[in-house]
Amino acid sequence: MLKLVRAPNVVIAQHWMNILATAGVPCELHNRYLSGAMGEIPAEQCAPEIWLVDDRDESLARRLIADATQGPKPGTPSWRCPQCGETLEPQFTVCWQCGRERDPRDE
């Protein structure tokens, strides 16, 4: 196992875990509940951490996290869900209306 990243909070850590899971990258979330121990334990040791099950996934996982952190490139157009026709902003990768995942070719 390899520690991939320390997240600023559990919400962001879980979001990153979801991105990795969607890409088929097995990982584990450690320190999920340690924020309540802050003060008794140093703050930097309480942050949630994402650990990769397979070290060979490191470069893909780092790229996915970097992409998620940066968001869509400026000027990226909205996209229309081909399943239900809903128009979505570029930062969304799943249609909120029907749940279909965005295909990179969708506009």
C-alpha atoms as a PDB file:
ATOM      1  CA  MET A   1       0.000   0.000   0.000  1.00  0.00           C
ATOM      2  CA  LEU A   2       1.078   3.550  -0.722  1.00  0.00           C
ATOM      3  CA  LYS A   3      -0.091   6.781   0.898  1.00  0.00           C
ATOM      4  CA  LEU A   4      -1.262   8.890  -2.036  1.00  0.00           C
ATOM      5  CA  VAL A   5      -2.420  12.126  -0.459  1.00  0.00           C
ATOM      6  CA  ARG A   6      -3.530  13.843   2.708  1.00  0.00           C
ATOM      7  CA  ALA A   7      -6.853  15.651   2.210  1.00  0.00           C
ATOM      8  CA  PRO A   8      -7.830  18.928   3.900  1.00  0.00           C
ATOM      9  CA  ASN A   9     -11.068  17.399   5.235  1.00  0.00           C
ATOM     10  CA  VAL A  10     -13.227  14.272   5.068  1.00  0.00           C
ATOM     11  CA  VAL A  11     -15.648  15.715   2.492  1.00  0.00           C
ATOM     12  CA  ILE A  12     -12.876  16.364  -0.034  1.00  0.00           C
ATOM     13  CA  ALA A  13     -11.224  13.042   0.805  1.00  0.00           C
ATOM     14  CA  GLN A  14     -14.475  11.200   0.066  1.00  0.00           C
ATOM     15  CA  HIS A  15     -14.914  13.136  -3.185  1.00  0.00           C
ATOM     16  CA  TRP A  16     -11.415  12.100  -4.274  1.00  0.00           C
ATOM     17  CA  MET A  17     -12.164   8.505  -3.236  1.00  0.00           C
ATOM     18  CA  ASN A  18     -15.273   8.567  -5.450  1.00  0.00           C
ATOM     19  CA  ILE A  19     -13.243   9.847  -8.411  1.00  0.00           C
ATOM     20  CA  LEU A  20     -10.661   7.112  -7.937  1.00  0.00           C
ATOM     21  CA  ALA A  21     -13.317   4.420  -7.514  1.00  0.00           C
ATOM     22  CA  THR A  22     -15.068   5.556 -10.707  1.00  0.00           C
ATOM     23  CA  ALA A  23     -11.740   5.174 -12.540  1.00  0.00           C
ATOM     24  CA  GLY A  24     -11.282   1.669 -11.112  1.00  0.00           C
ATOM     25  CA  VAL A  25      -8.444   2.607  -8.761  1.00  0.00           C
ATOM     26  CA  PRO A  26      -8.804   0.659  -5.490  1.00  0.00           C
ATOM     27  CA  CYS A  27      -7.957   2.747  -2.434  1.00  0.00           C
ATOM     28  CA  GLU A  28      -8.704   3.161   1.256  1.00  0.00           C
ATOM     29  CA  LEU A  29      -9.551   6.197   3.362  1.00  0.00           C
ATOM     30  CA  HIS A  30      -7.572   6.361   6.602  1.00  0.00           C
ATOM     31  CA  ASN A  31      -8.023   8.749   9.566  1.00  0.00           C
ATOM     32  CA  ARG A  32     -11.683   9.290   8.700  1.00  0.00           C
ATOM     33  CA  TYR A  33     -12.693   9.869  12.320  1.00  0.00           C
ATOM     34  CA  LEU A  34      -9.544  11.403  13.821  1.00  0.00           C
ATOM     35  CA  SER A  35     -10.664  15.035  13.497  1.00  0.00           C
ATOM     36  CA  GLY A  36     -12.391  14.643  16.868  1.00  0.00           C
ATOM     37  CA  ALA A  37      -9.024  13.860  18.457  1.00  0.00           C
ATOM     38  CA  MET A  38      -7.403  17.096  17.257  1.00  0.00           C
ATOM     39  CA  GLY A  39      -5.696  18.749  20.187  1.00  0.00           C
ATOM     40  CA  GLU A  40      -4.907  15.444  21.832  1.00  0.00           C
ATOM     41  CA  ILE A  41      -3.169  14.370  18.638  1.00  0.00           C
ATOM     42  CA  PRO A  42      -1.261  16.855  16.439  1.00  0.00           C
ATOM     43  CA  ALA A  43      -3.481  18.309  13.675  1.00  0.00           C
ATOM     44  CA  GLU A  44      -1.279  17.071  10.823  1.00  0.00           C
ATOM     45  CA  GLN A  45      -1.710  13.507  12.069  1.00  0.00           C
ATOM     46  CA  CYS A  46      -5.518  13.818  12.093  1.00  0.00           C
ATOM     47  CA  ALA A  47      -6.018  14.689   8.422  1.00  0.00           C
ATOM     48  CA  PRO A  48      -7.775  12.088   6.263  1.00  0.00           C
ATOM     49  CA  GLU A  49      -5.391  10.137   4.027  1.00  0.00           C
ATOM     50  CA  ILE A  50      -6.014   8.210   0.841  1.00  0.00           C
ATOM     51  CA  TRP A  51      -3.950   5.062   0.455  1.00  0.00           C
ATOM     52  CA  LEU A  52      -3.650   3.100  -2.787  1.00  0.00           C
ATOM     53  CA  VAL A  53      -4.097  -0.652  -2.649  1.00  0.00           C
ATOM     54  CA  ASP A  54      -1.806  -1.131  -5.665  1.00  0.00           C
ATOM     55  CA  ASP A  55       1.291   1.094  -5.962  1.00  0.00           C
ATOM     56  CA  ARG A  56       1.173   0.730  -9.749  1.00  0.00           C
ATOM     57  CA  ASP A  57      -1.901   3.010  -9.815  1.00  0.00           C
ATOM     58  CA  GLU A  58       0.052   5.967  -8.430  1.00  0.00           C
ATOM     59  CA  SER A  59       0.557   8.015 -11.600  1.00  0.00           C
ATOM     60  CA  LEU A  60      -3.068   7.622 -12.714  1.00  0.00           C
ATOM     61  CA  ALA A  61      -4.358   8.419  -9.235  1.00  0.00           C
ATOM     62  CA  ARG A  62      -2.207  11.543  -8.917  1.00  0.00           C
ATOM     63  CA  ARG A  63      -3.390  12.769 -12.316  1.00  0.00           C
ATOM     64  CA  LEU A  64      -7.051  12.189 -11.395  1.00  0.00           C
ATOM     65  CA  ILE A  65      -6.673  14.060  -8.097  1.00  0.00           C
ATOM     66  CA  ALA A  66      -4.854  16.934  -9.830  1.00  0.00           C
ATOM     67  CA  ASP A  67      -7.597  17.161 -12.453  1.00  0.00           C
ATOM     68  CA  ALA A  68     -10.269  17.167  -9.748  1.00  0.00           C
ATOM     69  CA  THR A  69      -8.461  19.864  -7.799  1.00  0.00           C
ATOM     70  CA  GLN A  70      -8.080  22.138 -10.826  1.00  0.00           C
ATOM     71  CA  GLY A  71     -11.623  21.726 -12.154  1.00  0.00           C
ATOM     72  CA  PRO A  72     -12.573  22.291 -15.782  1.00  0.00           C
ATOM     73  CA  LYS A  73     -10.339  24.434 -17.970  1.00  0.00           C
ATOM     74  CA  PRO A  74     -11.533  28.011 -18.508  1.00  0.00           C
ATOM     75  CA  GLY A  75     -13.875  28.235 -21.466  1.00  0.00           C
ATOM     76  CA  THR A  76     -14.971  24.596 -21.253  1.00  0.00           C
ATOM     77  CA  PRO A  77     -18.514  24.498 -22.632  1.00  0.00           C
ATOM     78  CA  SER A  78     -21.577  23.110 -20.919  1.00  0.00           C
ATOM     79  CA  TRP A  79     -22.638  19.657 -22.025  1.00  0.00           C
ATOM     80  CA  ARG A  80     -25.967  18.093 -22.873  1.00  0.00           C
ATOM     81  CA  CYS A  81     -26.817  14.667 -21.514  1.00  0.00           C
ATOM     82  CA  PRO A  82     -27.569  12.413 -24.480  1.00  0.00           C
ATOM     83  CA  GLN A  83     -29.863  10.261 -22.345  1.00  0.00           C
ATOM     84  CA  CYS A  84     -32.287  12.870 -20.947  1.00  0.00           C
ATOM     85  CA  GLY A  85     -31.316  16.110 -22.730  1.00  0.00           C
ATOM     86  CA  GLU A  86     -30.429  18.058 -19.581  1.00  0.00           C
ATOM     87  CA  THR A  87     -27.807  20.808 -20.030  1.00  0.00           C
ATOM     88  CA  LEU A  88     -25.097  20.704 -17.360  1.00  0.00           C
ATOM     89  CA  GLU A  89     -22.203  22.957 -16.427  1.00  0.00           C
ATOM     90  CA  PRO A  90     -18.741  21.629 -17.306  1.00  0.00           C
ATOM     91  CA  GLN A  91     -17.673  20.825 -13.731  1.00  0.00           C
ATOM     92  CA  PHE A  92     -20.357  18.134 -13.466  1.00  0.00           C
ATOM     93  CA  THR A  93     -19.343  14.674 -14.632  1.00  0.00           C
ATOM     94  CA  VAL A  94     -22.666  12.974 -13.896  1.00  0.00           C
ATOM     95  CA  CYS A  95     -26.105  14.154 -14.994  1.00  0.00           C
ATOM     96  CA  TRP A  96     -28.106  15.195 -11.947  1.00  0.00           C
ATOM     97  CA  GLN A  97     -31.352  14.420 -13.779  1.00  0.00           C
ATOM     98  CA  CYS A  98     -30.784  10.793 -14.843  1.00  0.00           C
ATOM     99  CA  GLY A  99     -27.406   9.780 -13.367  1.00  0.00           C
ATOM    100  CA  ARG A 100     -25.656   9.103 -16.683  1.00  0.00           C
ATOM    101  CA  GLU A 101     -21.892   9.662 -16.546  1.00  0.00           C
ATOM    102  CA  ARG A 102     -20.469  12.252 -18.912  1.00  0.00           C
ATOM    103  CA  ASP A 103     -18.649  10.915 -21.908  1.00  0.00           C
ATOM    104  CA  PRO A 104     -15.638  13.132 -22.834  1.00  0.00           C
ATOM    105  CA  ARG A 105     -17.256  13.558 -26.267  1.00  0.00           C
ATOM    106  CA  ASP A 106     -20.510  14.999 -24.798  1.00  0.00           C
ATOM    107  CA  GLU A 107     -21.140  18.705 -25.354  1.00  0.00           C
END
